[in-house]
PDB file of N, CA and C in Angstrom:
ATOM      1  N   MET A   1       0.821  -1.196  -0.032  1.00  0.00           N
ATOM      2  CA  MET A   1       0.003   0.022  -0.032  1.00  0.00           C
ATOM      3  C   MET A   1       0.893   1.233  -0.016  1.00  0.00           C
ATOM      4  N   ILE A   2       0.558   2.243  -0.844  1.00  0.00           N
ATOM      5  CA  ILE A   2       1.320   3.426  -0.876  1.00  0.00           C
ATOM      6  C   ILE A   2       0.831   4.389   0.230  1.00  0.00           C
ATOM      7  N   GLY A   3       1.798   4.887   0.977  1.00  0.00           N
ATOM      8  CA  GLY A   3       1.464   5.792   2.039  1.00  0.00           C
ATOM      9  C   GLY A   3       1.698   7.231   1.708  1.00  0.00           C
ATOM     10  N   THR A   4       1.430   8.152   2.564  1.00  0.00           N
ATOM     11  CA  THR A   4       1.558   9.603   2.385  1.00  0.00           C
ATOM     12  C   THR A   4       3.010   9.953   2.057  1.00  0.00           C
ATOM     13  N   THR A   5       3.911   9.382   2.739  1.00  0.00           N
ATOM     14  CA  THR A   5       5.324   9.706   2.507  1.00  0.00           C
ATOM     15  C   THR A   5       5.800   9.342   1.086  1.00  0.00           C
ATOM     16  N   GLU A   6       5.339   8.196   0.576  1.00  0.00           N
ATOM     17  CA  GLU A   6       5.715   7.783  -0.738  1.00  0.00           C
ATOM     18  C   GLU A   6       5.076   8.707  -1.825  1.00  0.00           C
ATOM     19  N   ILE A   7       3.840   9.090  -1.583  1.00  0.00           N
ATOM     20  CA  ILE A   7       3.210  10.038  -2.530  1.00  0.00           C
ATOM     21  C   ILE A   7       3.955  11.359  -2.559  1.00  0.00           C
ATOM     22  N   VAL A   8       4.379  11.924  -1.426  1.00  0.00           N
ATOM     23  CA  VAL A   8       5.088  13.150  -1.380  1.00  0.00           C
ATOM     24  C   VAL A   8       6.439  12.973  -2.110  1.00  0.00           C
ATOM     25  N   VAL A   9       7.129  11.900  -1.895  1.00  0.00           N
ATOM     26  CA  VAL A   9       8.408  11.703  -2.552  1.00  0.00           C
ATOM     27  C   VAL A   9       8.211  11.559  -4.086  1.00  0.00           C
ATOM     28  N   ILE A  10       7.189  10.897  -4.507  1.00  0.00           N
ATOM     29  CA  ILE A  10       6.919  10.744  -5.949  1.00  0.00           C
ATOM     30  C   ILE A  10       6.575  12.088  -6.556  1.00  0.00           C
ATOM     31  N   ALA A  11       5.731  12.860  -5.887  1.00  0.00           N
ATOM     32  CA  ALA A  11       5.346  14.183  -6.392  1.00  0.00           C
ATOM     33  C   ALA A  11       6.541  15.137  -6.459  1.00  0.00           C
ATOM     34  N   ALA A  12       7.388  15.097  -5.438  1.00  0.00           N
ATOM     35  CA  ALA A  12       8.599  15.969  -5.434  1.00  0.00           C
ATOM     36  C   ALA A  12       9.535  15.583  -6.545  1.00  0.00           C
ATOM     37  N   THR A  13       9.741  14.236  -6.771  1.00  0.00           N
ATOM     38  CA  THR A  13      10.575  13.780  -7.829  1.00  0.00           C
ATOM     39  C   THR A  13      10.048  14.215  -9.209  1.00  0.00           C
ATOM     40  N   GLY A  14       8.725  14.168  -9.325  1.00  0.00           N
ATOM     41  CA  GLY A  14       8.119  14.532 -10.547  1.00  0.00           C
ATOM     42  C   GLY A  14       8.284  15.988 -10.851  1.00  0.00           C
ATOM     43  N   MET A  15       8.175  16.845  -9.846  1.00  0.00           N
ATOM     44  CA  MET A  15       8.419  18.244 -10.006  1.00  0.00           C
ATOM     45  C   MET A  15       9.858  18.565 -10.390  1.00  0.00           C
ATOM     46  N   VAL A  16      10.778  17.891  -9.806  1.00  0.00           N
ATOM     47  CA  VAL A  16      12.165  18.140 -10.178  1.00  0.00           C
ATOM     48  C   VAL A  16      12.415  17.647 -11.613  1.00  0.00           C
ATOM     49  N   LEU A  17      11.913  16.514 -11.983  1.00  0.00           N
ATOM     50  CA  LEU A  17      12.207  15.960 -13.343  1.00  0.00           C
ATOM     51  C   LEU A  17      11.496  16.733 -14.388  1.00  0.00           C
ATOM     52  N   PHE A  18      10.206  17.017 -14.202  1.00  0.00           N
ATOM     53  CA  PHE A  18       9.357  17.569 -15.309  1.00  0.00           C
ATOM     54  C   PHE A  18       8.991  18.991 -15.108  1.00  0.00           C
ATOM     55  N   GLY A  19       9.142  19.553 -13.959  1.00  0.00           N
ATOM     56  CA  GLY A  19       8.724  20.959 -13.714  1.00  0.00           C
ATOM     57  C   GLY A  19       7.296  20.964 -13.214  1.00  0.00           C
ATOM     58  N   ALA A  20       6.992  21.975 -12.370  1.00  0.00           N
ATOM     59  CA  ALA A  20       5.687  22.019 -11.723  1.00  0.00           C
ATOM     60  C   ALA A  20       4.551  22.285 -12.738  1.00  0.00           C
ATOM     61  N   SER A  21       4.811  22.945 -13.870  1.00  0.00           N
ATOM     62  CA  SER A  21       3.743  23.241 -14.830  1.00  0.00           C
ATOM     63  C   SER A  21       3.430  21.959 -15.669  1.00  0.00           C
ATOM     64  N   ALA A  22       4.300  21.021 -15.803  1.00  0.00           N
ATOM     65  CA  ALA A  22       4.076  19.834 -16.561  1.00  0.00           C
ATOM     66  C   ALA A  22       3.178  18.804 -15.858  1.00  0.00           C
ATOM     67  N   LEU A  23       3.209  18.841 -14.517  1.00  0.00           N
ATOM     68  CA  LEU A  23       2.488  17.816 -13.733  1.00  0.00           C
ATOM     69  C   LEU A  23       0.963  17.877 -13.908  1.00  0.00           C
ATOM     70  N   PRO A  24       0.348  19.037 -13.947  1.00  0.00           N
ATOM     71  CA  PRO A  24      -1.140  19.028 -14.185  1.00  0.00           C
ATOM     72  C   PRO A  24      -1.490  18.533 -15.523  1.00  0.00           C
ATOM     73  N   LYS A  25      -0.672  18.905 -16.524  1.00  0.00           N
ATOM     74  CA  LYS A  25      -0.907  18.391 -17.912  1.00  0.00           C
ATOM     75  C   LYS A  25      -0.827  16.868 -17.980  1.00  0.00           C
ATOM     76  N   PHE A  26       0.131  16.361 -17.251  1.00  0.00           N
ATOM     77  CA  PHE A  26       0.408  14.907 -17.206  1.00  0.00           C
ATOM     78  C   PHE A  26      -0.766  14.202 -16.518  1.00  0.00           C
ATOM     79  N   ALA A  27      -1.218  14.777 -15.412  1.00  0.00           N
ATOM     80  CA  ALA A  27      -2.380  14.221 -14.684  1.00  0.00           C
ATOM     81  C   ALA A  27      -3.601  14.247 -15.509  1.00  0.00           C
ATOM     82  N   ARG A  28      -3.858  15.338 -16.270  1.00  0.00           N
ATOM     83  CA  ARG A  28      -4.993  15.535 -17.119  1.00  0.00           C
ATOM     84  C   ARG A  28      -4.997  14.463 -18.187  1.00  0.00           C
ATOM     85  N   SER A  29      -3.800  14.245 -18.822  1.00  0.00           N
ATOM     86  CA  SER A  29      -3.714  13.271 -19.864  1.00  0.00           C
ATOM     87  C   SER A  29      -3.982  11.865 -19.340  1.00  0.00           C
ATOM     88  N   ILE A  30      -3.512  11.522 -18.141  1.00  0.00           N
ATOM     89  CA  ILE A  30      -3.787  10.199 -17.490  1.00  0.00           C
ATOM     90  C   ILE A  30      -5.330  10.115 -17.289  1.00  0.00           C
ATOM     91  N   GLY A  31      -5.971  11.134 -16.869  1.00  0.00           N
ATOM     92  CA  GLY A  31      -7.413  11.092 -16.706  1.00  0.00           C
ATOM     93  C   GLY A  31      -8.168  10.867 -17.970  1.00  0.00           C
ATOM     94  N   GLN A  32      -7.756  11.488 -19.076  1.00  0.00           N
ATOM     95  CA  GLN A  32      -8.366  11.348 -20.338  1.00  0.00           C
ATOM     96  C   GLN A  32      -8.126   9.928 -20.875  1.00  0.00           C
ATOM     97  N   ALA A  33      -6.939   9.401 -20.680  1.00  0.00           N
ATOM     98  CA  ALA A  33      -6.627   7.994 -21.079  1.00  0.00           C
ATOM     99  C   ALA A  33      -7.466   6.983 -20.315  1.00  0.00           C
ATOM    100  N   LYS A  34      -7.706   7.243 -19.007  1.00  0.00           N
ATOM    101  CA  LYS A  34      -8.576   6.351 -18.193  1.00  0.00           C
ATOM    102  C   LYS A  34      -9.995   6.374 -18.727  1.00  0.00           C
ATOM    103  N   LYS A  35     -10.488   7.582 -19.051  1.00  0.00           N
ATOM    104  CA  LYS A  35     -11.884   7.692 -19.578  1.00  0.00           C
ATOM    105  C   LYS A  35     -11.987   6.890 -20.891  1.00  0.00           C
ATOM    106  N   GLU A  36     -11.011   7.034 -21.757  1.00  0.00           N
ATOM    107  CA  GLU A  36     -11.047   6.366 -23.073  1.00  0.00           C
ATOM    108  C   GLU A  36     -10.992   4.799 -22.862  1.00  0.00           C
ATOM    109  N   LEU A  37     -10.157   4.365 -21.930  1.00  0.00           N
ATOM    110  CA  LEU A  37     -10.047   2.949 -21.652  1.00  0.00           C
ATOM    111  C   LEU A  37     -11.330   2.433 -21.153  1.00  0.00           C
ATOM    112  N   GLU A  38     -11.975   3.139 -20.226  1.00  0.00           N
ATOM    113  CA  GLU A  38     -13.280   2.662 -19.672  1.00  0.00           C
ATOM    114  C   GLU A  38     -14.333   2.657 -20.752  1.00  0.00           C
ATOM    115  N   LYS A  39     -14.326   3.656 -21.668  1.00  0.00           N
ATOM    116  CA  LYS A  39     -15.278   3.726 -22.760  1.00  0.00           C
ATOM    117  C   LYS A  39     -15.080   2.530 -23.681  1.00  0.00           C
ATOM    118  N   GLY A  40     -13.857   2.241 -24.018  1.00  0.00           N
ATOM    119  CA  GLY A  40     -13.567   1.096 -24.930  1.00  0.00           C
ATOM    120  C   GLY A  40     -13.940  -0.210 -24.272  1.00  0.00           C
ATOM    121  N   LEU A  41     -13.731  -0.345 -23.008  1.00  0.00           N
ATOM    122  CA  LEU A  41     -14.087  -1.593 -22.311  1.00  0.00           C
ATOM    123  C   LEU A  41     -15.620  -1.749 -22.345  1.00  0.00           C
ATOM    124  N   LYS A  42     -16.335  -0.660 -22.125  1.00  0.00           N
ATOM    125  CA  LYS A  42     -17.759  -0.736 -22.095  1.00  0.00           C
ATOM    126  C   LYS A  42     -18.283  -1.079 -23.484  1.00  0.00           C
ATOM    127  N   GLU A  43     -17.748  -0.430 -24.520  1.00  0.00           N
ATOM    128  CA  GLU A  43     -18.183  -0.743 -25.889  1.00  0.00           C
ATOM    129  C   GLU A  43     -17.897  -2.176 -26.293  1.00  0.00           C
ATOM    130  N   GLY A  44     -16.714  -2.677 -25.823  1.00  0.00           N
ATOM    131  CA  GLY A  44     -16.398  -4.039 -26.124  1.00  0.00           C
ATOM    132  C   GLY A  44     -17.305  -5.034 -25.407  1.00  0.00           C
ATOM    133  N   ALA A  45     -17.681  -4.746 -24.181  1.00  0.00           N
ATOM    134  CA  ALA A  45     -18.636  -5.601 -23.437  1.00  0.00           C
ATOM    135  C   ALA A  45     -20.008  -5.600 -24.156  1.00  0.00           C
ATOM    136  N   GLU A  46     -20.421  -4.449 -24.620  1.00  0.00           N
ATOM    137  CA  GLU A  46     -21.721  -4.343 -25.236  1.00  0.00           C
ATOM    138  C   GLU A  46     -21.724  -5.094 -26.585  1.00  0.00           C
ATOM    139  N   GLU A  47     -20.603  -4.959 -27.329  1.00  0.00           N
ATOM    140  CA  GLU A  47     -20.498  -5.669 -28.610  1.00  0.00           C
ATOM    141  C   GLU A  47     -20.425  -7.134 -28.373  1.00  0.00           C
ATOM    142  N   GLU A  48     -19.711  -7.635 -27.364  1.00  0.00           N
ATOM    143  CA  GLU A  48     -19.706  -9.020 -27.069  1.00  0.00           C
ATOM    144  C   GLU A  48     -21.082  -9.610 -26.671  1.00  0.00           C
ATOM    145  N   LYS A  49     -21.808  -8.799 -25.897  1.00  0.00           N
ATOM    146  CA  LYS A  49     -23.178  -9.218 -25.532  1.00  0.00           C
ATOM    147  C   LYS A  49     -24.079  -9.273 -26.738  1.00  0.00           C
ATOM    148  N   THR A  50     -23.948  -8.338 -27.687  1.00  0.00           N
ATOM    149  CA  THR A  50     -24.770  -8.343 -28.872  1.00  0.00           C
ATOM    150  C   THR A  50     -24.442  -9.540 -29.755  1.00  0.00           C
ATOM    151  N   THR A  51     -23.179  -9.800 -29.838  1.00  0.00           N
ATOM    152  CA  THR A  51     -22.705 -10.948 -30.599  1.00  0.00           C
ATOM    153  C   THR A  51     -23.196 -12.307 -30.071  1.00  0.00           C
ATOM    154  N   SER A  52     -23.111 -12.435 -28.741  1.00  0.00           N
ATOM    155  CA  SER A  52     -23.614 -13.674 -28.105  1.00  0.00           C
ATOM    156  C   SER A  52     -25.081 -13.819 -28.225  1.00  0.00           C
ATOM    157  N   GLU A  53     -25.850 -12.716 -28.188  1.00  0.00           N
ATOM    158  CA  GLU A  53     -27.283 -12.811 -28.380  1.00  0.00           C
ATOM    159  C   GLU A  53     -27.691 -13.223 -29.796  1.00  0.00           C
ATOM    160  N   LYS A  54     -26.895 -12.800 -30.776  1.00  0.00           N
ATOM    161  CA  LYS A  54     -27.145 -13.119 -32.188  1.00  0.00           C
ATOM    162  C   LYS A  54     -26.832 -14.666 -32.398  1.00  0.00           C
ATOM    163  N   GLU A  55     -25.840 -15.142 -31.698  1.00  0.00           N
ATOM    164  CA  GLU A  55     -25.453 -16.545 -31.874  1.00  0.00           C
ATOM    165  C   GLU A  55     -26.553 -17.466 -31.245  1.00  0.00           C
ATOM    166  N   GLU A  56     -27.206 -17.021 -30.194  1.00  0.00           N
ATOM    167  CA  GLU A  56     -28.203 -17.849 -29.512  1.00  0.00           C
ATOM    168  C   GLU A  56     -29.464 -17.921 -30.344  1.00  0.00           C
ATOM    169  N   SER A  57     -29.702 -16.983 -31.196  1.00  0.00           N
ATOM    170  CA  SER A  57     -30.996 -16.974 -31.963  1.00  0.00           C
ATOM    171  C   SER A  57     -30.942 -17.888 -33.169  1.00  0.00           C
TER     172      SER A  57
END
């Protein structure tokens, strides 16, 4: 489990490596990628459900 100390160290390292202005952009892009992944998984599940229903008929 990641604790508070580890999160602080990771954030500080990120600021040193990428700069403070790059971190919000990076976090935003991770959020968008997560949304796209969830959308794709949902579409894939719906497509699989539709395909299995057609095969049963």
